[in-house]
Protein backbone atom coordinates (compact mmCIF):
# COMPACT_ATOMS: atom_id res chain seq x y z
CA MET A 1 -0.23 0.20 0.04
CA ARG A 2 1.36 3.95 -0.74
CA ASN A 3 0.91 6.40 1.55
CA PHE A 4 -0.05 9.92 0.39
CA GLY A 5 -1.65 13.10 2.40
CA LEU A 6 -1.87 16.67 3.06
CA ILE A 7 0.16 18.98 5.38
CA GLY A 8 -1.21 22.26 6.80
CA LYS A 9 -2.67 24.06 9.61
CA ASN A 10 -6.48 23.55 10.45
CA ILE A 11 -7.08 21.50 7.89
CA ALA A 12 -9.56 19.55 9.19
CA TYR A 13 -12.04 20.65 6.87
CA SER A 14 -9.61 19.69 3.33
CA PHE A 15 -11.42 18.89 0.20
CA SER A 16 -8.29 16.84 -0.25
CA LYS A 17 -8.92 13.69 1.63
CA ASN A 18 -12.22 13.01 0.72
CA TYR A 19 -11.11 13.62 -2.47
CA PHE A 20 -8.51 10.74 -2.71
CA GLU A 21 -9.97 8.61 -0.62
CA GLN A 22 -12.81 8.61 -2.77
CA LYS A 23 -10.76 8.08 -5.80
CA PHE A 24 -8.54 5.40 -4.56
CA ALA A 25 -12.10 3.35 -3.56
CA VAL A 26 -13.62 4.34 -6.95
CA GLU A 27 -10.60 3.00 -8.66
CA ASN A 28 -9.61 0.10 -6.85
CA ILE A 29 -6.47 1.86 -5.99
CA ASP A 30 -3.85 0.61 -2.96
CA ALA A 31 -3.42 3.41 -0.93
CA ASN A 32 -4.31 5.86 2.06
CA TYR A 33 -4.53 9.58 2.25
CA GLN A 34 -4.29 11.14 5.77
CA ASN A 35 -4.20 15.05 6.95
CA PHE A 36 -1.09 16.03 9.32
CA ASP A 37 -2.30 19.37 11.62
CA LEU A 38 1.26 20.67 12.60
CA ASP A 39 2.01 24.02 14.02
CA GLN A 40 5.09 24.24 12.48
CA ILE A 41 7.14 22.14 9.56
CA ASP A 42 10.73 22.72 10.86
CA ASP A 43 10.68 18.36 11.43
CA ILE A 44 8.42 17.83 7.98
CA LYS A 45 10.92 16.05 6.02
CA LYS A 46 11.90 13.62 8.78
CA ILE A 47 7.86 13.50 9.30
CA ILE A 48 7.48 12.87 6.27
CA LEU A 49 10.27 9.81 5.77
CA ASN A 50 8.89 8.55 8.64
CA GLN A 51 5.62 8.11 7.87
CA LYS A 52 6.55 6.67 4.30
CA LEU A 53 4.74 8.98 2.30
CA ASN A 54 5.01 8.58 -1.08
CA GLY A 55 3.65 11.99 -1.51
CA VAL A 56 1.48 15.20 0.14
CA ASN A 57 -0.02 17.86 -0.59
CA ILE A 58 1.06 21.67 0.71
CA THR A 59 -1.57 23.83 1.96
CA ILE A 60 -2.11 27.16 4.25
CA PRO A 61 -0.04 27.92 5.68
CA TYR A 62 2.99 26.21 4.12
CA LYS A 63 3.54 26.03 0.60
CA GLU A 64 6.03 28.65 0.55
CA LYS A 65 7.65 28.00 3.93
CA ILE A 66 8.02 24.36 2.68
CA LEU A 67 10.61 25.83 -0.16
CA ALA A 68 13.56 25.17 2.61
CA HIS A 69 12.73 21.56 2.93
CA LEU A 70 12.79 20.47 -0.52
CA ASP A 71 16.03 18.88 -2.33
CA SER A 72 14.97 19.96 -5.48
CA ILE A 73 12.21 21.95 -7.08
CA ASP A 74 10.44 22.12 -10.37
CA GLU A 75 11.08 24.93 -12.64
CA GLU A 76 8.09 26.65 -13.36
CA ALA A 77 7.52 26.00 -9.25
CA PHE A 78 11.04 27.88 -8.60
CA LYS A 79 9.35 30.47 -10.68
CA ILE A 80 6.00 31.07 -8.86
CA GLY A 81 8.22 30.74 -5.41
CA ALA A 82 4.84 28.32 -3.98
CA VAL A 83 5.28 24.50 -3.66
CA ASN A 84 1.73 22.26 -3.08
CA THR A 85 2.57 19.02 -4.33
CA VAL A 86 5.80 16.86 -2.83
CA LYS A 87 7.19 13.41 -4.35
CA VAL A 88 9.64 11.61 -2.41
CA VAL A 89 11.71 9.78 -4.55
CA GLY A 90 14.18 7.63 -2.09
CA GLN A 91 15.25 10.23 0.73
CA LYS A 92 14.62 13.33 -1.14
CA LEU A 93 11.67 15.56 -1.39
CA LEU A 94 10.64 17.49 -5.17
CA GLY A 95 8.80 20.37 -4.89
CA TYR A 96 5.90 20.90 -7.64
CA ASN A 97 3.21 23.28 -8.08
CA THR A 98 -0.02 22.23 -9.38
CA ASP A 99 -2.38 24.98 -8.12
CA CYS A 100 -0.97 27.32 -11.39
CA LEU A 101 -2.54 24.88 -13.86
CA GLY A 102 -5.41 23.81 -11.67
CA PHE A 103 -6.71 27.83 -11.91
CA MET A 104 -5.69 28.50 -15.18
CA LYS A 105 -7.83 25.26 -16.10
CA SER A 106 -10.66 26.37 -14.29
CA LEU A 107 -10.74 30.01 -14.96
CA PHE A 108 -10.20 29.93 -18.84
CA PRO A 109 -13.95 28.75 -19.38
CA LEU A 110 -14.83 31.84 -17.41
CA LEU A 111 -13.23 34.68 -19.55
CA GLU A 112 -15.19 36.95 -21.38
CA LYS A 113 -13.71 39.82 -23.83
CA GLN A 114 -13.43 42.39 -20.69
CA HIS A 115 -12.11 40.33 -18.21
CA GLN A 116 -8.66 41.79 -19.14
CA ASN A 117 -7.35 43.29 -16.01
CA ALA A 118 -7.65 41.47 -12.52
CA LEU A 119 -7.19 42.45 -8.86
CA VAL A 120 -5.79 39.70 -6.48
CA LEU A 121 -6.72 39.69 -3.29
CA GLY A 122 -4.08 38.13 -1.16
CA THR A 123 0.07 37.92 -1.63
CA GLY A 124 0.80 34.39 -0.30
CA GLY A 125 1.64 31.00 -1.80
CA ALA A 126 -1.55 30.55 -3.48
CA ALA A 127 -1.72 33.95 -4.68
CA LYS A 128 1.61 33.03 -6.09
CA ALA A 129 0.46 30.85 -8.34
CA VAL A 130 -2.31 33.20 -9.43
CA THR A 131 -0.62 35.61 -10.69
CA HIS A 132 1.60 33.22 -12.17
CA ALA A 133 -1.12 32.22 -14.19
CA LEU A 134 -2.70 35.40 -15.00
CA ASN A 135 0.69 35.95 -16.47
CA SER A 136 0.28 33.38 -18.67
CA LEU A 137 -2.84 33.81 -19.53
CA GLY A 138 -2.26 37.58 -20.90
CA ILE A 139 -4.50 39.00 -17.96
CA ASP A 140 -3.20 42.11 -16.53
CA TYR A 141 -3.26 42.21 -12.69
CA LYS A 142 -2.52 44.30 -9.77
CA SER A 143 -2.16 42.67 -6.20
CA VAL A 144 -3.97 43.72 -2.98
CA SER A 145 -2.65 43.20 0.64
CA ARG A 146 -2.86 44.44 4.34
CA GLN A 147 0.85 45.21 3.74
CA PRO A 148 0.64 46.68 0.14
CA LYS A 149 4.84 46.86 -1.37
CA GLU A 150 5.23 49.02 -4.41
CA TYR A 151 3.00 48.62 -7.48
CA GLN A 152 -0.01 47.13 -4.78
CA PHE A 153 -2.88 48.54 -3.16
CA SER A 154 -3.89 48.10 -0.20
CA TYR A 155 -7.51 47.41 1.02
CA GLU A 156 -8.05 51.06 2.29
CA GLU A 157 -7.33 52.48 -1.86
CA ILE A 158 -9.93 50.08 -3.35
CA ASN A 159 -12.69 52.46 -4.92
CA GLU A 160 -15.35 52.50 -7.40
CA GLU A 161 -12.79 53.59 -10.31
CA ILE A 162 -10.09 50.42 -9.46
CA LEU A 163 -13.08 48.03 -9.26
CA HIS A 164 -14.89 49.59 -12.79
CA ASP A 165 -11.40 49.23 -14.05
CA HIS A 166 -10.70 45.55 -13.08
CA PRO A 167 -13.78 43.63 -13.75
CA LEU A 168 -11.76 40.06 -12.63
CA ILE A 169 -11.54 39.86 -9.10
CA ILE A 170 -9.81 37.00 -7.60
CA ASN A 171 -9.97 36.31 -3.73
CA CYS A 172 -6.76 34.41 -2.78
CA THR A 173 -6.98 35.18 1.02
CA PRO A 174 -8.46 32.44 4.06
CA LEU A 175 -11.49 34.87 4.15
CA GLY A 176 -14.76 33.52 4.39
CA THR A 177 -13.38 29.89 5.02
CA ALA A 178 -15.61 27.97 7.51
CA PRO A 179 -16.22 27.70 10.08
CA ASN A 180 -15.65 31.66 9.89
CA ILE A 181 -18.04 31.74 7.00
CA ASP A 182 -19.05 35.75 7.89
CA ASP A 183 -15.37 36.95 6.58
CA ALA A 184 -14.79 38.31 3.30
CA PRO A 185 -12.27 40.70 1.98
CA PRO A 186 -12.81 44.14 2.88
CA ILE A 187 -13.82 45.85 -0.54
CA PRO A 188 -16.78 48.31 -1.64
CA TYR A 189 -18.72 45.79 -2.80
CA GLN A 190 -21.54 48.08 -3.92
CA TYR A 191 -19.43 49.06 -6.96
CA LEU A 192 -19.80 45.57 -8.46
CA ASN A 193 -21.85 44.66 -11.48
CA GLN A 194 -22.56 42.33 -14.12
CA GLN A 195 -19.90 42.78 -15.74
CA HIS A 196 -17.78 41.27 -13.03
CA LEU A 197 -15.97 38.15 -12.42
CA LEU A 198 -15.53 36.99 -9.06
CA TYR A 199 -13.36 34.23 -8.30
CA ASP A 200 -12.71 32.75 -4.85
CA LEU A 201 -10.17 29.91 -3.95
CA VAL A 202 -12.07 28.90 -1.23
CA TYR A 203 -14.52 26.32 -1.96
CA ASN A 204 -15.93 25.98 1.59
CA PRO A 205 -18.72 27.07 1.85
CA PRO A 206 -19.75 27.08 -1.60
CA LEU A 207 -21.41 30.56 -1.91
CA THR A 208 -18.86 32.33 0.78
CA THR A 209 -19.86 35.67 2.24
CA PHE A 210 -17.23 37.54 -1.08
CA LEU A 211 -19.19 35.54 -3.71
CA ALA A 212 -22.58 36.26 -2.04
CA ASN A 213 -21.71 39.79 -1.94
CA GLY A 214 -21.06 39.99 -5.83
CA LYS A 215 -24.15 37.68 -6.42
CA LYS A 216 -26.40 40.83 -5.20
CA GLN A 217 -24.56 42.78 -7.98
CA GLY A 218 -25.00 40.78 -10.17
CA CYS A 219 -21.50 39.58 -10.83
CA LYS A 220 -20.86 35.85 -12.60
CA LEU A 221 -18.95 33.71 -9.89
CA SER A 222 -16.86 30.97 -9.59
CA ASN A 223 -15.56 28.72 -6.15
CA GLY A 224 -12.11 27.32 -5.84
CA HIS A 225 -13.57 23.59 -5.89
CA LYS A 226 -12.93 23.02 -10.01
CA MET A 227 -9.37 24.58 -9.22
CA LEU A 228 -8.52 21.72 -6.71
CA GLU A 229 -9.95 18.86 -8.82
CA TYR A 230 -7.68 19.84 -11.54
CA GLN A 231 -4.62 20.57 -9.09
CA ALA A 232 -5.13 17.29 -7.40
CA GLU A 233 -5.24 15.11 -10.68
CA GLN A 234 -2.15 17.07 -11.72
CA ALA A 235 -0.63 15.88 -8.07
CA TRP A 236 -1.24 12.70 -8.84
CA LYS A 237 -0.08 11.80 -12.31
CA ILE A 238 3.37 13.61 -10.95
CA TRP A 239 3.19 11.04 -7.99
CA ASN A 240 2.56 8.09 -10.71
CA ASN A 241 5.79 9.32 -12.99
CA HIS A 242 2.77 10.41 -15.85
């Protein structure tokens, strides 16, 4: 039997465990998948090797911190600056990013001609995969952060004009994830309209407060469930040398 898992913090809600357990059952695969809910990842390599894991997914808040513990990093993951999939080969940990592909595949069918400029809410590991994907799609973007750097917006700066100029808005923060379902990024939702596409990487609940606020304004909506399916299947291909 082969062993896989998810490494993150506060991940009892996670999509990955259910997804892979169902996949293993339906496809008659001799493998198991378990969550590793860790307060820190200083001993991550020891944990992975001691548990005889063949591969792991990495989620919030370790997609960037994991880089220091890897033996090698895939070229695209290195460019992105975040890893969400680790393959174990012997005693070595190899890092990959499947978030970028998952996001691109899920976003592309939703795009309309006006979606040429995006606001990316958040600047963590997931946001890095999203901005890499937007570059690949030729979509200009501005990042929004609580602690903005040069060429980034603060949430306080977001106004009617900025929202009008950025009809694609992507939430890469964990705000709104169950159980804190009333949380949402602090933007002036009253200035949104039917030209906007709101994409939330959060998938639990399916209709977050971020998306519900957009729905009231007639926006097109998507949560992150499809992205997770695509990235999970890509991780499985990596673990199986496909």
